[in-house]
Amino acid sequence: MNDAYVNALNTQKATQSWMDAVSENMVNIYTPGYRESKINFKTFLDSTYSDTYMRSTGQGNATPGTSDENVFLEGSGYFVLRNENGKLAYTRLGEFKFDGDGVYKATDGSVVQGYIMNDKGEIVSGTKSLSQEDFDKTMAEGGALSIPTTEIKLWVDPDNGKFLGKYDEYEIKEDGILYGKANNGKDTTPLYKISIMNFHNPQGLFEYKSGQFVETEESGKPVMGRGEIRSGLLELSNSDFKANISYYQQAKMQLELSNKMISSYKELLQNAIQLMS
């Protein structure tokens, strides 16, 4: 069994990790897409250790974006990105824009993934088309990789300045479908559906860069997610400021206590050494 001095040192180290996580949460309270850090603790022979930290999967509030290209996901799940290495990543931050080539991208250049749709509103999967009923059934059964995603691209015709050559403008609706609009909005055609994925254990995702996650063995494979998409909005941090203030005060008190215990044990050790000399 660890002695009291070692226990106090372990508690001090664990508490400092807790304070660091809480400080990060408070600093990023207004950072769009930020996921609150939560520290897990475990006890071993009366001593406290920091185990692992996880990111909260709760919903953050909406805030106006910089353009209608930005999107806010209301509900569970993640937007899907394909990074520079061709790997899939997942994010809650819908700070997306179309680049000069018409490709829908995140700020770091990752390509937003979606599904191609035909003019009937069906998702095109290989040589087949999936009706909304088939899509919902696949989603309910936890389907994921059976429907491949693709980049979302609104090429602009240089001759007439229209999207894909014939659409004057576009609109992203609540169901995540991007429509091409012509004839002053009287004619609308579904073009793409923004992909949303979720995980059986989203807290098991690994954050490989700020706001972007990759799957792990703990998270499991991605499955289709549900949620409404709001155009022109972004999701703020899901940190609870009041709760984190309370956590910080608790951690500060615990750190002060462990520091006093360490100081007392050092003093006792010095006195013991002096008595022995």
Protein backbone atom coordinates (compact mmCIF):
# COMPACT_ATOMS: atom_id res chain seq x y z
CA MET A 1 0.00 0.00 0.00
CA ASN A 2 1.23 3.49 -0.84
CA ASP A 3 2.15 5.61 2.16
CA ALA A 4 0.39 8.89 2.90
CA TYR A 5 3.16 10.98 1.30
CA VAL A 6 2.93 9.13 -2.03
CA ASN A 7 -0.88 9.34 -1.91
CA ALA A 8 -0.66 13.10 -1.43
CA LEU A 9 1.71 13.43 -4.41
CA ASN A 10 -0.64 11.40 -6.63
CA THR A 11 -3.60 13.48 -5.53
CA GLN A 12 -1.68 16.67 -6.28
CA LYS A 13 -0.83 15.46 -9.80
CA ALA A 14 -4.40 14.31 -10.51
CA THR A 15 -5.84 17.60 -9.22
CA GLN A 16 -3.50 19.64 -11.42
CA SER A 17 -4.74 17.69 -14.47
CA TRP A 18 -8.29 18.45 -13.39
CA MET A 19 -7.55 22.17 -13.05
CA ASP A 20 -5.86 22.24 -16.47
CA ALA A 21 -8.92 20.67 -18.11
CA VAL A 22 -11.32 23.04 -16.35
CA SER A 23 -9.17 26.05 -17.32
CA GLU A 24 -9.22 24.93 -20.95
CA ASN A 25 -13.02 24.67 -20.81
CA MET A 26 -13.39 28.21 -19.45
CA VAL A 27 -10.94 29.71 -21.97
CA ASN A 28 -12.89 28.12 -24.84
CA ILE A 29 -16.37 28.95 -23.59
CA TYR A 30 -17.07 30.97 -26.77
CA THR A 31 -15.02 28.89 -29.20
CA PRO A 32 -17.29 27.48 -31.96
CA GLY A 33 -17.30 23.70 -32.09
CA TYR A 34 -15.29 23.23 -28.89
CA ARG A 35 -16.13 20.08 -26.89
CA GLU A 36 -15.92 20.33 -23.10
CA SER A 37 -13.17 18.25 -21.47
CA LYS A 38 -14.12 16.00 -18.58
CA ILE A 39 -11.57 14.25 -16.37
CA ASN A 40 -12.23 10.73 -15.13
CA PHE A 41 -10.72 9.72 -11.81
CA LYS A 42 -10.04 6.34 -10.29
CA THR A 43 -9.03 5.39 -6.77
CA PHE A 44 -6.26 2.91 -6.04
CA LEU A 45 -5.43 2.00 -2.46
CA ASP A 46 -6.84 5.26 -1.06
CA SER A 47 -4.93 7.36 -3.59
CA THR A 48 -6.48 9.38 -6.41
CA TYR A 49 -5.24 9.05 -9.97
CA SER A 50 -6.40 10.86 -13.09
CA ASP A 51 -7.47 8.12 -15.45
CA THR A 52 -8.47 9.49 -18.85
CA TYR A 53 -10.22 12.58 -20.11
CA MET A 54 -13.09 12.62 -22.53
CA ARG A 55 -14.94 15.20 -24.55
CA SER A 56 -18.55 16.01 -23.74
CA THR A 57 -20.98 15.11 -26.52
CA GLY A 58 -23.70 17.53 -25.39
CA GLN A 59 -25.30 20.10 -27.67
CA GLY A 60 -23.82 23.60 -27.81
CA ASN A 61 -25.86 26.74 -28.48
CA ALA A 62 -26.21 28.21 -31.94
CA THR A 63 -24.53 31.45 -33.00
CA PRO A 64 -24.68 33.33 -36.33
CA GLY A 65 -22.04 32.20 -38.80
CA THR A 66 -20.18 34.30 -41.33
CA SER A 67 -22.26 33.13 -44.32
CA ASP A 68 -25.12 30.83 -45.34
CA GLU A 69 -22.47 28.25 -46.23
CA ASN A 70 -21.91 27.64 -42.51
CA VAL A 71 -24.10 24.95 -40.96
CA PHE A 72 -25.27 24.03 -37.45
CA LEU A 73 -26.17 20.46 -36.51
CA GLU A 74 -29.07 20.24 -34.09
CA GLY A 75 -29.07 16.72 -32.71
CA SER A 76 -26.57 13.91 -32.26
CA GLY A 77 -23.87 13.07 -34.74
CA TYR A 78 -21.00 14.65 -36.61
CA PHE A 79 -20.31 16.15 -40.00
CA VAL A 80 -17.96 14.00 -42.07
CA LEU A 81 -14.71 15.33 -43.52
CA ARG A 82 -12.04 13.75 -45.70
CA ASN A 83 -8.65 15.12 -44.71
CA GLU A 84 -5.51 15.72 -46.77
CA ASN A 85 -4.47 12.08 -46.27
CA GLY A 86 -7.75 10.77 -47.62
CA LYS A 87 -8.90 9.63 -44.17
CA LEU A 88 -12.32 10.35 -42.72
CA ALA A 89 -12.64 12.68 -39.74
CA TYR A 90 -15.68 13.89 -37.81
CA THR A 91 -16.57 17.32 -36.46
CA ARG A 92 -19.39 19.36 -34.94
CA LEU A 93 -18.00 22.61 -36.31
CA GLY A 94 -19.80 23.38 -39.57
CA GLU A 95 -17.58 26.31 -40.52
CA PHE A 96 -17.66 25.29 -44.18
CA LYS A 97 -17.33 27.27 -47.40
CA PHE A 98 -17.11 26.61 -51.12
CA ASP A 99 -13.63 27.19 -52.49
CA GLY A 100 -12.73 28.68 -55.89
CA ASP A 101 -13.40 25.33 -57.58
CA GLY A 102 -16.79 24.98 -55.94
CA VAL A 103 -15.72 22.27 -53.47
CA TYR A 104 -17.35 22.44 -50.03
CA LYS A 105 -14.53 22.52 -47.46
CA ALA A 106 -13.69 23.12 -43.81
CA THR A 107 -11.29 25.93 -42.86
CA ASP A 108 -8.31 23.53 -42.78
CA GLY A 109 -8.98 22.34 -46.33
CA SER A 110 -10.68 19.06 -45.41
CA VAL A 111 -13.46 18.18 -47.85
CA VAL A 112 -17.02 17.96 -46.55
CA GLN A 113 -18.67 14.65 -47.42
CA GLY A 114 -22.17 14.07 -48.69
CA TYR A 115 -24.33 11.90 -50.93
CA ILE A 116 -25.15 12.61 -54.58
CA MET A 117 -28.89 12.88 -55.26
CA ASN A 118 -30.92 12.53 -58.41
CA ASP A 119 -33.68 14.92 -59.42
CA LYS A 120 -36.24 12.67 -57.70
CA GLY A 121 -34.66 13.30 -54.32
CA GLU A 122 -33.13 9.82 -54.13
CA ILE A 123 -29.58 9.17 -52.96
CA VAL A 124 -27.44 7.67 -55.69
CA SER A 125 -25.44 4.71 -54.38
CA GLY A 126 -23.27 3.16 -57.08
CA THR A 127 -25.58 2.19 -59.92
CA LYS A 128 -28.64 2.22 -57.67
CA SER A 129 -30.81 4.94 -56.20
CA LEU A 130 -32.07 4.86 -52.63
CA SER A 131 -35.46 6.27 -51.82
CA GLN A 132 -35.93 8.18 -48.57
CA GLU A 133 -37.63 5.06 -47.17
CA ASP A 134 -34.63 2.89 -48.05
CA PHE A 135 -32.26 5.48 -46.63
CA ASP A 136 -34.21 5.67 -43.34
CA LYS A 137 -34.25 1.86 -43.14
CA THR A 138 -30.49 1.69 -43.67
CA MET A 139 -30.00 4.35 -41.00
CA ALA A 140 -32.28 2.55 -38.54
CA GLU A 141 -30.31 -0.66 -39.03
CA GLY A 142 -27.05 1.14 -38.30
CA GLY A 143 -25.86 1.21 -41.88
CA ALA A 144 -22.82 3.30 -42.64
CA LEU A 145 -20.24 2.20 -45.15
CA SER A 146 -22.81 0.62 -47.48
CA ILE A 147 -23.55 4.09 -48.85
CA PRO A 148 -20.31 5.74 -50.00
CA THR A 149 -19.87 9.46 -49.45
CA THR A 150 -18.43 11.90 -51.94
CA GLU A 151 -17.26 15.50 -52.13
CA ILE A 152 -19.88 18.22 -52.48
CA LYS A 153 -19.05 20.35 -55.49
CA LEU A 154 -20.97 23.25 -56.99
CA TRP A 155 -19.01 23.97 -60.13
CA VAL A 156 -19.68 27.43 -61.58
CA ASP A 157 -20.07 27.70 -65.36
CA PRO A 158 -17.61 30.42 -66.48
CA ASP A 159 -19.87 31.32 -69.43
CA ASN A 160 -23.00 32.18 -67.47
CA GLY A 161 -21.84 32.25 -63.83
CA LYS A 162 -24.45 29.71 -62.75
CA PHE A 163 -23.95 26.79 -60.38
CA LEU A 164 -23.51 23.54 -62.32
CA GLY A 165 -24.33 25.59 -65.41
CA LYS A 166 -28.04 26.15 -64.79
CA TYR A 167 -28.80 27.08 -61.16
CA ASP A 168 -28.85 30.73 -60.12
CA GLU A 169 -28.41 29.98 -56.42
CA TYR A 170 -28.49 27.17 -53.87
CA GLU A 171 -30.09 26.53 -50.49
CA ILE A 172 -29.34 24.11 -47.66
CA LYS A 173 -32.54 22.87 -46.01
CA GLU A 174 -33.13 21.39 -42.53
CA ASP A 175 -32.90 17.83 -43.83
CA GLY A 176 -29.33 18.52 -44.96
CA ILE A 177 -30.19 18.50 -48.65
CA LEU A 178 -28.53 21.11 -50.82
CA TYR A 179 -30.89 22.32 -53.53
CA GLY A 180 -30.07 24.12 -56.76
CA LYS A 181 -32.54 26.93 -57.46
CA ALA A 182 -33.48 28.49 -60.80
CA ASN A 183 -36.21 30.69 -62.30
CA ASN A 184 -36.23 33.00 -59.26
CA GLY A 185 -36.54 30.07 -56.88
CA LYS A 186 -39.57 28.55 -58.59
CA ASP A 187 -37.59 25.51 -59.72
CA THR A 188 -35.61 23.57 -57.13
CA THR A 189 -33.56 20.41 -57.63
CA PRO A 190 -31.91 18.28 -54.92
CA LEU A 191 -28.18 17.96 -55.59
CA TYR A 192 -26.44 16.63 -52.47
CA LYS A 193 -27.30 15.51 -48.95
CA ILE A 194 -24.75 16.46 -46.28
CA SER A 195 -23.56 13.31 -44.53
CA ILE A 196 -24.03 12.95 -40.76
CA MET A 197 -22.47 10.07 -38.83
CA ASN A 198 -22.70 9.00 -35.21
CA PHE A 199 -21.08 6.38 -32.99
CA HIS A 200 -22.31 3.91 -30.39
CA ASN A 201 -19.69 5.38 -28.03
CA PRO A 202 -18.82 8.89 -29.28
CA GLN A 203 -16.80 9.58 -26.13
CA GLY A 204 -14.36 6.99 -27.41
CA LEU A 205 -13.43 9.15 -30.41
CA PHE A 206 -9.86 10.46 -30.55
CA GLU A 207 -9.37 14.20 -31.11
CA TYR A 208 -6.45 14.24 -33.52
CA LYS A 209 -6.68 18.00 -34.09
CA SER A 210 -8.77 20.78 -32.58
CA GLY A 211 -12.45 20.02 -33.13
CA GLN A 212 -11.83 17.02 -35.39
CA PHE A 213 -12.08 13.39 -34.32
CA VAL A 214 -11.26 9.98 -35.75
CA GLU A 215 -12.79 6.64 -34.88
CA THR A 216 -11.14 4.24 -32.46
CA GLU A 217 -11.80 0.74 -31.26
CA GLU A 218 -13.59 2.25 -28.25
CA SER A 219 -15.87 4.47 -30.36
CA GLY A 220 -16.83 1.71 -32.77
CA LYS A 221 -17.58 2.12 -36.46
CA PRO A 222 -19.62 5.09 -37.70
CA VAL A 223 -23.36 4.70 -38.21
CA MET A 224 -25.75 7.14 -39.80
CA GLY A 225 -26.72 9.99 -37.52
CA ARG A 226 -29.90 12.00 -37.18
CA GLY A 227 -30.35 15.72 -36.77
CA GLU A 228 -31.55 18.91 -38.39
CA ILE A 229 -29.13 21.21 -40.18
CA ARG A 230 -29.48 24.99 -39.90
CA SER A 231 -27.85 27.06 -42.59
CA GLY A 232 -26.01 30.25 -41.62
CA LEU A 233 -25.34 29.17 -38.02
CA LEU A 234 -22.46 27.63 -36.08
CA GLU A 235 -22.41 25.62 -32.87
CA LEU A 236 -20.74 27.29 -29.91
CA SER A 237 -18.76 25.47 -27.23
CA ASN A 238 -20.82 23.09 -25.10
CA SER A 239 -18.89 24.04 -21.95
CA ASP A 240 -21.00 24.93 -18.91
CA PHE A 241 -19.27 28.03 -17.53
CA LYS A 242 -20.99 28.02 -14.11
CA ALA A 243 -20.30 24.32 -13.60
CA ASN A 244 -16.64 24.76 -14.53
CA ILE A 245 -16.28 27.65 -12.08
CA SER A 246 -17.57 25.32 -9.38
CA TYR A 247 -15.21 22.53 -10.50
CA TYR A 248 -12.27 24.92 -10.45
CA GLN A 249 -13.05 26.03 -6.90
CA GLN A 250 -13.30 22.39 -5.78
CA ALA A 251 -10.04 21.50 -7.50
CA LYS A 252 -8.28 24.53 -6.02
CA MET A 253 -9.36 23.53 -2.51
CA GLN A 254 -8.25 19.94 -3.11
CA LEU A 255 -4.88 21.13 -4.45
CA GLU A 256 -4.30 23.37 -1.44
CA LEU A 257 -5.09 20.46 0.88
CA SER A 258 -2.72 18.09 -0.91
CA ASN A 259 0.03 20.77 -0.93
CA LYS A 260 -0.33 21.21 2.84
CA MET A 261 -0.17 17.46 3.35
CA ILE A 262 3.01 17.23 1.25
CA SER A 263 4.55 20.15 3.14
CA SER A 264 3.71 18.52 6.50
CA TYR A 265 5.21 15.18 5.49
CA LYS A 266 8.38 16.88 4.27
CA GLU A 267 8.71 18.67 7.60
CA LEU A 268 8.20 15.41 9.50
CA LEU A 269 10.81 13.70 7.33
CA GLN A 270 13.34 16.49 7.97
CA ASN A 271 12.74 16.29 11.71
CA ALA A 272 13.20 12.52 11.62
CA ILE A 273 16.49 12.87 9.74
CA GLN A 274 17.74 15.44 12.25
CA LEU A 275 16.88 13.15 15.16
CA MET A 276 18.78 10.31 13.53
CA SER A 277 21.90 12.41 12.82
